[in-house]
């Protein structure tokens, strides 16, 4: 299970997860000293189902690592696309080469047949 930390111990601007809810801690506190946090996606105030969210345990999310991972995924997707394109190009080249070899084999057999027929006529 990922490490959990009290919401009050997070630095302002930090992303966090509690259950299936993602949010971030702002730099602001209300008049009771409760940190103001907001739910990503809806913008609603995050209370975590309690009147005292400062003591809630949450999973801290490293935003910069997420961005790096997303960039790496994008790079890998591009590399995969390039590799797929190369596979398709090689397959097309292979098919063309097989076609040319087939034509040459046909030409060779045609010449052999003509030579054989000419040979038979010469024997007559």
C-alpha atoms as a PDB file:
ATOM      1  CA  UNK A   1       0.000   0.000   0.000  1.00  0.00           C
ATOM      2  CA  UNK A   2       1.376   3.454  -0.892  1.00  0.00           C
ATOM      3  CA  UNK A   3       2.672   5.611   1.931  1.00  0.00           C
ATOM      4  CA  UNK A   4       0.047   7.857   3.483  1.00  0.00           C
ATOM      5  CA  UNK A   5       0.529  11.255   5.079  1.00  0.00           C
ATOM      6  CA  UNK A   6      -1.708  13.665   6.950  1.00  0.00           C
ATOM      7  CA  UNK A   7      -3.277  16.265   4.699  1.00  0.00           C
ATOM      8  CA  UNK A   8      -1.986  19.017   6.999  1.00  0.00           C
ATOM      9  CA  UNK A   9       1.597  17.823   6.408  1.00  0.00           C
ATOM     10  CA  UNK A  10       1.438  18.189   2.624  1.00  0.00           C
ATOM     11  CA  UNK A  11       3.074  21.175   0.962  1.00  0.00           C
ATOM     12  CA  UNK A  12       0.694  23.622  -0.757  1.00  0.00           C
ATOM     13  CA  UNK A  13       0.138  22.716  -4.394  1.00  0.00           C
ATOM     14  CA  UNK A  14       0.647  19.005  -3.757  1.00  0.00           C
ATOM     15  CA  UNK A  15      -1.618  16.517  -5.473  1.00  0.00           C
ATOM     16  CA  UNK A  16      -3.114  13.744  -3.370  1.00  0.00           C
ATOM     17  CA  UNK A  17      -5.449  10.770  -3.560  1.00  0.00           C
ATOM     18  CA  UNK A  18      -7.978   9.624  -0.968  1.00  0.00           C
ATOM     19  CA  UNK A  19      -9.949   6.548  -2.005  1.00  0.00           C
ATOM     20  CA  UNK A  20     -10.985   7.210  -5.588  1.00  0.00           C
ATOM     21  CA  UNK A  21     -10.839  10.995  -5.202  1.00  0.00           C
ATOM     22  CA  UNK A  22      -7.951  13.067  -6.518  1.00  0.00           C
ATOM     23  CA  UNK A  23      -7.313  16.548  -5.230  1.00  0.00           C
ATOM     24  CA  UNK A  24      -4.750  19.182  -4.437  1.00  0.00           C
ATOM     25  CA  UNK A  25      -3.919  21.212  -1.384  1.00  0.00           C
ATOM     26  CA  UNK A  26      -4.029  24.973  -1.785  1.00  0.00           C
ATOM     27  CA  UNK A  27      -1.958  27.464   0.166  1.00  0.00           C
ATOM     28  CA  UNK A  28      -5.056  28.781   1.926  1.00  0.00           C
ATOM     29  CA  UNK A  29      -6.629  27.913   5.274  1.00  0.00           C
ATOM     30  CA  UNK A  30     -10.051  28.880   6.527  1.00  0.00           C
ATOM     31  CA  UNK A  31     -10.642  30.871   9.736  1.00  0.00           C
ATOM     32  CA  UNK A  32     -10.558  27.589  11.745  1.00  0.00           C
ATOM     33  CA  UNK A  33      -7.081  26.683  10.441  1.00  0.00           C
ATOM     34  CA  UNK A  34      -8.362  23.928   8.162  1.00  0.00           C
ATOM     35  CA  UNK A  35      -6.398  23.674   4.928  1.00  0.00           C
ATOM     36  CA  UNK A  36      -8.385  24.303   1.783  1.00  0.00           C
ATOM     37  CA  UNK A  37      -8.198  21.483  -0.711  1.00  0.00           C
ATOM     38  CA  UNK A  38     -10.016  21.020  -3.991  1.00  0.00           C
ATOM     39  CA  UNK A  39     -11.132  18.013  -5.993  1.00  0.00           C
ATOM     40  CA  UNK A  40      -9.534  17.678  -9.417  1.00  0.00           C
ATOM     41  CA  UNK A  41     -12.090  17.500 -12.171  1.00  0.00           C
ATOM     42  CA  UNK A  42     -14.955  19.188 -10.331  1.00  0.00           C
ATOM     43  CA  UNK A  43     -13.228  22.046  -8.485  1.00  0.00           C
ATOM     44  CA  UNK A  44     -15.340  21.364  -5.405  1.00  0.00           C
ATOM     45  CA  UNK A  45     -13.905  21.850  -1.927  1.00  0.00           C
ATOM     46  CA  UNK A  46     -12.454  18.599  -0.586  1.00  0.00           C
ATOM     47  CA  UNK A  47     -13.548  17.710   2.958  1.00  0.00           C
ATOM     48  CA  UNK A  48     -12.987  13.959   2.900  1.00  0.00           C
ATOM     49  CA  UNK A  49     -16.296  13.328   4.661  1.00  0.00           C
ATOM     50  CA  UNK A  50     -15.150  14.956   7.877  1.00  0.00           C
ATOM     51  CA  UNK A  51     -15.194  18.368   9.524  1.00  0.00           C
ATOM     52  CA  UNK A  52     -11.460  18.069  10.231  1.00  0.00           C
ATOM     53  CA  UNK A  53      -9.682  17.122   6.959  1.00  0.00           C
ATOM     54  CA  UNK A  54      -6.269  18.211   8.310  1.00  0.00           C
ATOM     55  CA  UNK A  55      -5.894  14.816  10.031  1.00  0.00           C
ATOM     56  CA  UNK A  56      -7.020  12.720   7.082  1.00  0.00           C
ATOM     57  CA  UNK A  57      -4.439  10.321   5.746  1.00  0.00           C
ATOM     58  CA  UNK A  58      -3.939  10.721   2.002  1.00  0.00           C
ATOM     59  CA  UNK A  59      -1.594   9.338  -0.621  1.00  0.00           C
ATOM     60  CA  UNK A  60       0.777  12.007  -1.893  1.00  0.00           C
ATOM     61  CA  UNK A  61       1.145  12.113  -5.682  1.00  0.00           C
ATOM     62  CA  UNK A  62       4.398  13.238  -7.269  1.00  0.00           C
ATOM     63  CA  UNK A  63       3.135  15.434 -10.125  1.00  0.00           C
ATOM     64  CA  UNK A  64       6.554  15.826 -11.755  1.00  0.00           C
ATOM     65  CA  UNK A  65       7.049  12.055 -11.916  1.00  0.00           C
ATOM     66  CA  UNK A  66       3.614  11.679 -13.508  1.00  0.00           C
ATOM     67  CA  UNK A  67       4.524  14.218 -16.185  1.00  0.00           C
ATOM     68  CA  UNK A  68       7.822  12.438 -16.881  1.00  0.00           C
ATOM     69  CA  UNK A  69       5.998   9.100 -17.141  1.00  0.00           C
ATOM     70  CA  UNK A  70       3.414  10.600 -19.507  1.00  0.00           C
ATOM     71  CA  UNK A  71       6.199  12.032 -21.679  1.00  0.00           C
ATOM     72  CA  UNK A  72       7.964   8.653 -21.706  1.00  0.00           C
ATOM     73  CA  UNK A  73       4.724   6.926 -22.725  1.00  0.00           C
ATOM     74  CA  UNK A  74       4.336   9.424 -25.561  1.00  0.00           C
ATOM     75  CA  UNK A  75       7.925   8.723 -26.705  1.00  0.00           C
ATOM     76  CA  UNK A  76       7.333   4.962 -26.558  1.00  0.00           C
ATOM     77  CA  UNK A  77       4.091   5.291 -28.532  1.00  0.00           C
ATOM     78  CA  UNK A  78       5.964   7.257 -31.204  1.00  0.00           C
ATOM     79  CA  UNK A  79       8.733   4.635 -31.327  1.00  0.00           C
ATOM     80  CA  UNK A  80       6.127   1.880 -31.606  1.00  0.00           C
ATOM     81  CA  UNK A  81       4.427   3.721 -34.464  1.00  0.00           C
ATOM     82  CA  UNK A  82       7.790   4.085 -36.235  1.00  0.00           C
ATOM     83  CA  UNK A  83       8.526   0.374 -35.716  1.00  0.00           C
ATOM     84  CA  UNK A  84       5.078  -0.569 -37.063  1.00  0.00           C
ATOM     85  CA  UNK A  85       5.684   1.603 -40.123  1.00  0.00           C
ATOM     86  CA  UNK A  86       9.005  -0.141 -40.705  1.00  0.00           C
ATOM     87  CA  UNK A  87       7.320  -3.548 -40.398  1.00  0.00           C
ATOM     88  CA  UNK A  88       4.733  -2.519 -42.998  1.00  0.00           C
ATOM     89  CA  UNK A  89       7.468  -1.215 -45.304  1.00  0.00           C
ATOM     90  CA  UNK A  90       9.441  -4.455 -44.935  1.00  0.00           C
ATOM     91  CA  UNK A  91       6.308  -6.510 -45.594  1.00  0.00           C
ATOM     92  CA  UNK A  92       5.612  -4.482 -48.751  1.00  0.00           C
ATOM     93  CA  UNK A  93       9.240  -4.925 -49.863  1.00  0.00           C
ATOM     94  CA  UNK A  94       9.025  -8.680 -49.198  1.00  0.00           C
ATOM     95  CA  UNK A  95       5.802  -8.971 -51.196  1.00  0.00           C
ATOM     96  CA  UNK A  96       7.334  -7.007 -54.075  1.00  0.00           C
ATOM     97  CA  UNK A  97      10.493  -9.148 -53.982  1.00  0.00           C
ATOM     98  CA  UNK A  98       8.396 -12.340 -54.016  1.00  0.00           C
ATOM     99  CA  UNK A  99       6.415 -10.970 -56.965  1.00  0.00           C
ATOM    100  CA  UNK A 100       9.617 -10.184 -58.892  1.00  0.00           C
ATOM    101  CA  UNK A 101      11.092 -13.586 -58.086  1.00  0.00           C
ATOM    102  CA  UNK A 102       7.872 -15.197 -59.227  1.00  0.00           C
ATOM    103  CA  UNK A 103       8.014 -13.285 -62.513  1.00  0.00           C
ATOM    104  CA  UNK A 104      11.635 -14.295 -63.037  1.00  0.00           C
ATOM    105  CA  UNK A 105      10.851 -17.933 -62.295  1.00  0.00           C
ATOM    106  CA  UNK A 106       7.994 -17.757 -64.783  1.00  0.00           C
ATOM    107  CA  UNK A 107      10.298 -16.210 -67.401  1.00  0.00           C
ATOM    108  CA  UNK A 108      12.909 -18.887 -66.697  1.00  0.00           C
ATOM    109  CA  UNK A 109      10.341 -21.695 -67.083  1.00  0.00           C
ATOM    110  CA  UNK A 110       9.035 -20.084 -70.260  1.00  0.00           C
ATOM    111  CA  UNK A 111      12.557 -19.968 -71.727  1.00  0.00           C
ATOM    112  CA  UNK A 112      13.227 -23.562 -70.653  1.00  0.00           C
ATOM    113  CA  UNK A 113       9.984 -24.642 -72.348  1.00  0.00           C
ATOM    114  CA  UNK A 114      10.909 -22.786 -75.532  1.00  0.00           C
ATOM    115  CA  UNK A 115      14.380 -24.335 -75.502  1.00  0.00           C
ATOM    116  CA  UNK A 116      12.871 -27.777 -74.962  1.00  0.00           C
ATOM    117  CA  UNK A 117      10.406 -27.255 -77.825  1.00  0.00           C
ATOM    118  CA  UNK A 118      13.178 -25.984 -80.099  1.00  0.00           C
ATOM    119  CA  UNK A 119      15.253 -29.000 -79.135  1.00  0.00           C
ATOM    120  CA  UNK A 120      12.410 -31.348 -80.074  1.00  0.00           C
ATOM    121  CA  UNK A 121      11.992 -29.612 -83.449  1.00  0.00           C
ATOM    122  CA  UNK A 122      15.717 -29.933 -84.087  1.00  0.00           C
ATOM    123  CA  UNK A 123      15.502 -33.668 -83.422  1.00  0.00           C
ATOM    124  CA  UNK A 124      12.796 -34.085 -86.041  1.00  0.00           C
END
